[in-house]
Amino acid sequence: MEINPVAWFEIYVDDMPRAKAFYEAVFEVQLEAIATPNDTELEMWGFPSSMDHYGAAGALAKMTNVSAGGNSTLVYFACQDCAVQQARAKVQGGEIHNPKMSIGEHGFISLVSDTEGNMIGLHSMV
């Protein structure tokens, strides 16, 4: 494989306003509406991204018959210090599953759940 394997991610939610508020507060970003075909029951809000930088872009998604939580894919968000976003997640109504811990030479991770029950990872080098 000549490129990184992940090109896009979607985090499915049941309550878009609540989920959008959670991610905007935890990561201090503004999500942007993504246009979807009028004939679908799909709502998407994209995370800020740049095709010129490392990492995959993605969005929160709400679609009929696709529930939040209970999936087996874990998305890791890059952070300067994952303890900061871990604390914000708790304040915003999320749950901490694994507090910041060392993964040796690869930095640190924390596992939290959002307000929709989706587990996400936080990664930093410090």
N, C-alpha and C. Protein backbone atom coordinates (compact mmCIF):
# COMPACT_ATOMS: atom_id res chain seq x y z
N MET A 1 0.85 -1.17 0.00
CA MET A 1 0.00 0.00 0.00
C MET A 1 0.89 1.24 0.00
N GLU A 2 0.66 2.15 -0.92
CA GLU A 2 1.50 3.33 -1.06
C GLU A 2 1.02 4.54 -0.26
N ILE A 3 -0.18 4.46 0.29
CA ILE A 3 -0.72 5.56 1.08
C ILE A 3 -1.19 5.02 2.42
N ASN A 4 -1.45 5.92 3.36
CA ASN A 4 -2.02 5.47 4.63
C ASN A 4 -3.39 4.85 4.37
N PRO A 5 -3.75 3.78 5.07
CA PRO A 5 -4.95 3.03 4.72
C PRO A 5 -6.28 3.71 5.02
N VAL A 6 -6.33 4.66 5.95
CA VAL A 6 -7.61 5.30 6.27
C VAL A 6 -7.74 6.59 5.47
N ALA A 7 -8.81 6.70 4.69
CA ALA A 7 -9.03 7.87 3.87
C ALA A 7 -10.16 8.76 4.40
N TRP A 8 -11.05 8.20 5.21
CA TRP A 8 -12.23 8.94 5.67
C TRP A 8 -12.81 8.21 6.87
N PHE A 9 -13.47 8.91 7.77
CA PHE A 9 -14.18 8.25 8.85
C PHE A 9 -15.52 8.93 9.06
N GLU A 10 -16.47 8.18 9.57
CA GLU A 10 -17.77 8.70 9.96
C GLU A 10 -18.09 8.17 11.35
N ILE A 11 -18.58 9.04 12.21
CA ILE A 11 -19.01 8.66 13.54
C ILE A 11 -20.52 8.83 13.56
N TYR A 12 -21.24 7.73 13.66
CA TYR A 12 -22.70 7.80 13.60
C TYR A 12 -23.28 8.22 14.94
N VAL A 13 -24.28 9.10 14.87
CA VAL A 13 -24.89 9.69 16.05
C VAL A 13 -26.41 9.59 15.97
N ASP A 14 -27.07 9.68 17.12
CA ASP A 14 -28.53 9.70 17.17
C ASP A 14 -29.05 11.12 17.37
N ASP A 15 -28.33 11.93 18.12
CA ASP A 15 -28.74 13.31 18.42
C ASP A 15 -27.65 14.24 17.88
N MET A 16 -27.83 14.73 16.65
CA MET A 16 -26.79 15.52 15.99
C MET A 16 -26.45 16.80 16.75
N PRO A 17 -27.42 17.60 17.21
CA PRO A 17 -27.03 18.82 17.94
C PRO A 17 -26.18 18.52 19.18
N ARG A 18 -26.54 17.49 19.92
CA ARG A 18 -25.78 17.12 21.12
C ARG A 18 -24.39 16.64 20.75
N ALA A 19 -24.28 15.76 19.75
CA ALA A 19 -22.98 15.23 19.34
C ALA A 19 -22.09 16.34 18.76
N LYS A 20 -22.67 17.19 17.95
CA LYS A 20 -21.92 18.30 17.34
C LYS A 20 -21.35 19.20 18.44
N ALA A 21 -22.18 19.53 19.44
CA ALA A 21 -21.72 20.37 20.56
C ALA A 21 -20.58 19.69 21.32
N PHE A 22 -20.68 18.38 21.53
CA PHE A 22 -19.64 17.62 22.24
C PHE A 22 -18.30 17.74 21.50
N TYR A 23 -18.26 17.41 20.22
CA TYR A 23 -17.00 17.40 19.48
C TYR A 23 -16.44 18.81 19.28
N GLU A 24 -17.31 19.79 19.07
CA GLU A 24 -16.82 21.16 18.93
C GLU A 24 -16.19 21.65 20.23
N ALA A 25 -16.77 21.29 21.37
CA ALA A 25 -16.22 21.72 22.66
C ALA A 25 -14.94 20.96 23.02
N VAL A 26 -14.93 19.66 22.81
CA VAL A 26 -13.76 18.85 23.19
C VAL A 26 -12.53 19.24 22.37
N PHE A 27 -12.72 19.45 21.06
CA PHE A 27 -11.57 19.72 20.18
C PHE A 27 -11.45 21.19 19.79
N GLU A 28 -12.32 22.04 20.34
CA GLU A 28 -12.30 23.48 20.06
C GLU A 28 -12.24 23.76 18.57
N VAL A 29 -13.20 23.18 17.82
CA VAL A 29 -13.30 23.36 16.37
C VAL A 29 -14.75 23.68 16.01
N GLN A 30 -14.97 24.13 14.80
CA GLN A 30 -16.31 24.32 14.26
C GLN A 30 -16.50 23.28 13.16
N LEU A 31 -17.50 22.43 13.30
CA LEU A 31 -17.83 21.48 12.26
C LEU A 31 -18.63 22.19 11.18
N GLU A 32 -18.48 21.74 9.94
CA GLU A 32 -19.16 22.37 8.81
C GLU A 32 -20.14 21.39 8.18
N ALA A 33 -21.31 21.91 7.82
CA ALA A 33 -22.33 21.08 7.17
C ALA A 33 -21.79 20.55 5.84
N ILE A 34 -22.06 19.28 5.57
CA ILE A 34 -21.67 18.66 4.30
C ILE A 34 -22.95 18.43 3.51
N ALA A 35 -22.98 18.93 2.30
CA ALA A 35 -24.17 18.77 1.46
C ALA A 35 -24.38 17.29 1.15
N THR A 36 -25.63 16.85 1.25
CA THR A 36 -25.99 15.47 0.92
C THR A 36 -27.16 15.52 -0.04
N PRO A 37 -27.37 14.47 -0.82
CA PRO A 37 -28.50 14.45 -1.76
C PRO A 37 -29.82 14.66 -1.03
N ASN A 38 -30.72 15.42 -1.63
CA ASN A 38 -32.01 15.73 -1.01
C ASN A 38 -32.87 14.50 -0.79
N ASP A 39 -32.64 13.43 -1.55
CA ASP A 39 -33.51 12.26 -1.44
C ASP A 39 -33.01 11.25 -0.40
N THR A 40 -32.01 11.62 0.40
CA THR A 40 -31.52 10.71 1.44
C THR A 40 -31.83 11.28 2.81
N GLU A 41 -31.96 10.40 3.77
CA GLU A 41 -32.16 10.82 5.16
C GLU A 41 -30.81 10.78 5.85
N LEU A 42 -29.91 11.64 5.37
CA LEU A 42 -28.54 11.68 5.85
C LEU A 42 -28.16 13.12 6.18
N GLU A 43 -27.62 13.31 7.37
CA GLU A 43 -27.11 14.61 7.79
C GLU A 43 -25.65 14.41 8.17
N MET A 44 -24.77 15.27 7.67
CA MET A 44 -23.35 15.14 7.97
C MET A 44 -22.74 16.49 8.33
N TRP A 45 -21.86 16.47 9.32
CA TRP A 45 -21.10 17.65 9.73
C TRP A 45 -19.63 17.25 9.76
N GLY A 46 -18.81 17.92 8.93
CA GLY A 46 -17.41 17.56 8.77
C GLY A 46 -16.47 18.26 9.73
N PHE A 47 -15.44 17.52 10.12
CA PHE A 47 -14.37 18.09 10.93
C PHE A 47 -13.48 18.94 10.02
N PRO A 48 -12.86 20.00 10.56
CA PRO A 48 -11.93 20.77 9.75
C PRO A 48 -10.82 19.86 9.23
N SER A 49 -10.43 20.06 7.99
CA SER A 49 -9.37 19.20 7.43
C SER A 49 -8.66 19.91 6.29
N SER A 50 -7.51 19.36 5.94
CA SER A 50 -6.72 19.86 4.84
C SER A 50 -6.10 18.67 4.12
N MET A 51 -6.27 18.60 2.83
CA MET A 51 -5.69 17.50 2.06
C MET A 51 -4.17 17.57 2.01
N ASP A 52 -3.60 18.71 2.43
CA ASP A 52 -2.15 18.89 2.41
C ASP A 52 -1.47 18.41 3.69
N HIS A 53 -2.25 17.94 4.67
CA HIS A 53 -1.68 17.52 5.93
C HIS A 53 -1.93 16.04 6.19
N TYR A 54 -1.14 15.48 7.08
CA TYR A 54 -1.23 14.09 7.47
C TYR A 54 -2.57 13.81 8.14
N GLY A 55 -3.11 12.64 7.93
CA GLY A 55 -4.31 12.21 8.63
C GLY A 55 -5.53 12.15 7.74
N ALA A 56 -6.57 11.50 8.23
CA ALA A 56 -7.80 11.31 7.47
C ALA A 56 -8.85 12.33 7.90
N ALA A 57 -9.65 12.77 6.95
CA ALA A 57 -10.77 13.66 7.24
C ALA A 57 -11.98 12.81 7.60
N GLY A 58 -12.99 13.44 8.22
CA GLY A 58 -14.18 12.69 8.56
C GLY A 58 -15.30 13.57 9.01
N ALA A 59 -16.40 12.94 9.42
CA ALA A 59 -17.61 13.67 9.76
C ALA A 59 -18.45 12.93 10.76
N LEU A 60 -19.33 13.69 11.45
CA LEU A 60 -20.42 13.09 12.20
C LEU A 60 -21.51 12.80 11.19
N ALA A 61 -22.19 11.69 11.33
CA ALA A 61 -23.24 11.32 10.37
C ALA A 61 -24.47 10.84 11.12
N LYS A 62 -25.63 11.22 10.62
CA LYS A 62 -26.89 10.73 11.15
C LYS A 62 -27.70 10.23 9.97
N MET A 63 -28.08 8.94 10.02
CA MET A 63 -28.81 8.33 8.91
C MET A 63 -29.87 7.39 9.48
N THR A 64 -31.01 7.38 8.85
CA THR A 64 -32.08 6.49 9.25
C THR A 64 -31.59 5.05 9.28
N ASN A 65 -31.94 4.33 10.32
CA ASN A 65 -31.60 2.91 10.51
C ASN A 65 -30.12 2.63 10.78
N VAL A 66 -29.33 3.67 11.10
CA VAL A 66 -27.93 3.46 11.50
C VAL A 66 -27.78 4.10 12.88
N SER A 67 -27.68 3.27 13.91
CA SER A 67 -27.63 3.76 15.28
C SER A 67 -26.21 4.08 15.71
N ALA A 68 -26.11 4.95 16.69
CA ALA A 68 -24.82 5.30 17.28
C ALA A 68 -24.36 4.20 18.24
N GLY A 69 -23.07 4.19 18.54
CA GLY A 69 -22.50 3.28 19.53
C GLY A 69 -22.53 1.82 19.10
N GLY A 70 -21.83 1.00 19.86
CA GLY A 70 -21.86 -0.44 19.63
C GLY A 70 -21.08 -0.93 18.43
N ASN A 71 -20.29 -0.06 17.80
CA ASN A 71 -19.52 -0.54 16.65
C ASN A 71 -18.14 -0.98 17.10
N SER A 72 -17.38 -1.56 16.21
CA SER A 72 -16.07 -2.10 16.60
C SER A 72 -14.91 -1.34 15.98
N THR A 73 -15.14 -0.19 15.41
CA THR A 73 -14.07 0.62 14.83
C THR A 73 -13.73 1.74 15.80
N LEU A 74 -12.44 1.95 16.04
CA LEU A 74 -12.01 2.99 16.96
C LEU A 74 -11.23 4.04 16.20
N VAL A 75 -11.71 5.28 16.22
CA VAL A 75 -11.05 6.41 15.58
C VAL A 75 -10.21 7.11 16.63
N TYR A 76 -8.94 7.37 16.31
CA TYR A 76 -8.06 8.12 17.21
C TYR A 76 -7.89 9.53 16.68
N PHE A 77 -8.13 10.51 17.55
CA PHE A 77 -7.91 11.91 17.21
C PHE A 77 -6.54 12.33 17.71
N ALA A 78 -5.78 13.04 16.88
CA ALA A 78 -4.47 13.55 17.26
C ALA A 78 -4.64 14.76 18.15
N CYS A 79 -3.86 14.82 19.23
CA CYS A 79 -3.93 15.91 20.21
C CYS A 79 -2.51 16.35 20.58
N GLN A 80 -2.38 17.56 21.09
CA GLN A 80 -1.08 17.99 21.62
C GLN A 80 -0.80 17.25 22.93
N ASP A 81 -1.82 17.15 23.79
CA ASP A 81 -1.73 16.41 25.05
C ASP A 81 -3.12 15.81 25.28
N CYS A 82 -3.25 14.52 25.11
CA CYS A 82 -4.57 13.88 25.15
C CYS A 82 -5.28 14.06 26.49
N ALA A 83 -4.56 14.40 27.56
CA ALA A 83 -5.21 14.65 28.85
C ALA A 83 -6.14 15.86 28.78
N VAL A 84 -5.82 16.83 27.93
CA VAL A 84 -6.66 18.03 27.79
C VAL A 84 -8.02 17.66 27.20
N GLN A 85 -8.02 16.94 26.08
CA GLN A 85 -9.28 16.55 25.45
C GLN A 85 -10.03 15.53 26.31
N GLN A 86 -9.31 14.69 27.03
CA GLN A 86 -9.94 13.74 27.95
C GLN A 86 -10.75 14.50 29.00
N ALA A 87 -10.17 15.55 29.57
CA ALA A 87 -10.87 16.35 30.58
C ALA A 87 -12.08 17.06 29.97
N ARG A 88 -11.92 17.60 28.77
CA ARG A 88 -13.04 18.28 28.11
C ARG A 88 -14.18 17.30 27.82
N ALA A 89 -13.83 16.08 27.42
CA ALA A 89 -14.85 15.07 27.13
C ALA A 89 -15.70 14.81 28.37
N LYS A 90 -15.08 14.69 29.51
CA LYS A 90 -15.80 14.45 30.77
C LYS A 90 -16.73 15.61 31.07
N VAL A 91 -16.24 16.84 30.93
CA VAL A 91 -17.05 18.03 31.20
C VAL A 91 -18.25 18.10 30.25
N GLN A 92 -18.08 17.63 29.02
CA GLN A 92 -19.15 17.71 28.02
C GLN A 92 -20.13 16.53 28.08
N GLY A 93 -20.00 15.69 29.10
CA GLY A 93 -20.96 14.59 29.28
C GLY A 93 -20.47 13.26 28.75
N GLY A 94 -19.21 13.18 28.35
CA GLY A 94 -18.63 11.92 27.90
C GLY A 94 -18.17 11.09 29.08
N GLU A 95 -17.67 9.91 28.78
CA GLU A 95 -17.20 8.99 29.82
C GLU A 95 -15.75 8.62 29.53
N ILE A 96 -14.93 8.56 30.55
CA ILE A 96 -13.53 8.15 30.39
C ILE A 96 -13.45 6.66 30.64
N HIS A 97 -12.96 5.91 29.65
CA HIS A 97 -12.81 4.46 29.79
C HIS A 97 -11.39 4.11 30.22
N ASN A 98 -10.41 4.70 29.59
CA ASN A 98 -9.00 4.52 29.96
C ASN A 98 -8.38 5.91 30.03
N PRO A 99 -8.00 6.35 31.24
CA PRO A 99 -7.33 7.65 31.33
C PRO A 99 -5.98 7.61 30.62
N LYS A 100 -5.43 8.77 30.38
CA LYS A 100 -4.15 8.89 29.67
C LYS A 100 -3.15 7.87 30.18
N MET A 101 -2.57 7.12 29.23
CA MET A 101 -1.58 6.11 29.59
C MET A 101 -0.49 6.07 28.53
N SER A 102 0.68 5.69 28.92
CA SER A 102 1.82 5.60 28.02
C SER A 102 1.69 4.37 27.12
N ILE A 103 2.07 4.55 25.87
CA ILE A 103 2.23 3.42 24.95
C ILE A 103 3.68 3.39 24.47
N GLY A 104 4.57 3.73 25.42
CA GLY A 104 6.00 3.68 25.16
C GLY A 104 6.45 4.73 24.15
N GLU A 105 7.31 4.32 23.25
CA GLU A 105 7.88 5.26 22.28
C GLU A 105 6.84 5.85 21.33
N HIS A 106 5.63 5.32 21.35
CA HIS A 106 4.57 5.80 20.45
C HIS A 106 3.70 6.87 21.09
N GLY A 107 4.02 7.29 22.31
CA GLY A 107 3.31 8.38 22.95
C GLY A 107 2.31 7.94 24.00
N PHE A 108 1.14 8.57 23.98
CA PHE A 108 0.12 8.36 25.00
C PHE A 108 -1.26 8.26 24.35
N ILE A 109 -2.15 7.52 24.99
CA ILE A 109 -3.54 7.43 24.51
C ILE A 109 -4.50 7.54 25.68
N SER A 110 -5.71 7.90 25.35
CA SER A 110 -6.83 7.90 26.29
C SER A 110 -8.03 7.43 25.50
N LEU A 111 -8.93 6.67 26.14
CA LEU A 111 -10.15 6.21 25.49
C LEU A 111 -11.35 6.82 26.21
N VAL A 112 -12.21 7.49 25.45
CA VAL A 112 -13.40 8.13 26.01
C VAL A 112 -14.61 7.78 25.14
N SER A 113 -15.79 7.95 25.71
CA SER A 113 -17.02 7.82 24.94
C SER A 113 -17.64 9.19 24.79
N ASP A 114 -18.26 9.42 23.63
CA ASP A 114 -18.96 10.67 23.41
C ASP A 114 -20.37 10.59 24.00
N THR A 115 -21.17 11.60 23.79
CA THR A 115 -22.52 11.65 24.33
C THR A 115 -23.47 10.67 23.64
N GLU A 116 -23.02 10.06 22.53
CA GLU A 116 -23.84 9.12 21.78
C GLU A 116 -23.49 7.67 22.08
N GLY A 117 -22.47 7.45 22.92
CA GLY A 117 -22.05 6.09 23.25
C GLY A 117 -20.95 5.56 22.36
N ASN A 118 -20.41 6.41 21.46
CA ASN A 118 -19.30 5.99 20.60
C ASN A 118 -17.99 6.13 21.35
N MET A 119 -17.18 5.09 21.38
CA MET A 119 -15.85 5.19 21.97
C MET A 119 -14.91 5.78 20.93
N ILE A 120 -14.08 6.75 21.36
CA ILE A 120 -13.06 7.32 20.49
C ILE A 120 -11.73 7.29 21.24
N GLY A 121 -10.65 7.31 20.48
CA GLY A 121 -9.32 7.37 21.06
C GLY A 121 -8.73 8.75 20.92
N LEU A 122 -7.89 9.10 21.87
CA LEU A 122 -7.14 10.35 21.84
C LEU A 122 -5.67 9.96 21.87
N HIS A 123 -4.85 10.56 21.01
CA HIS A 123 -3.42 10.23 20.94
C HIS A 123 -2.58 11.48 20.98
N SER A 124 -1.50 11.43 21.74
CA SER A 124 -0.52 12.52 21.76
C SER A 124 0.86 11.95 22.01
N MET A 125 1.86 12.74 21.71
CA MET A 125 3.24 12.30 21.94
C MET A 125 3.74 12.74 23.33
N VAL A 126 2.99 13.62 24.00
CA VAL A 126 3.38 14.04 25.36
C VAL A 126 2.24 13.77 26.33
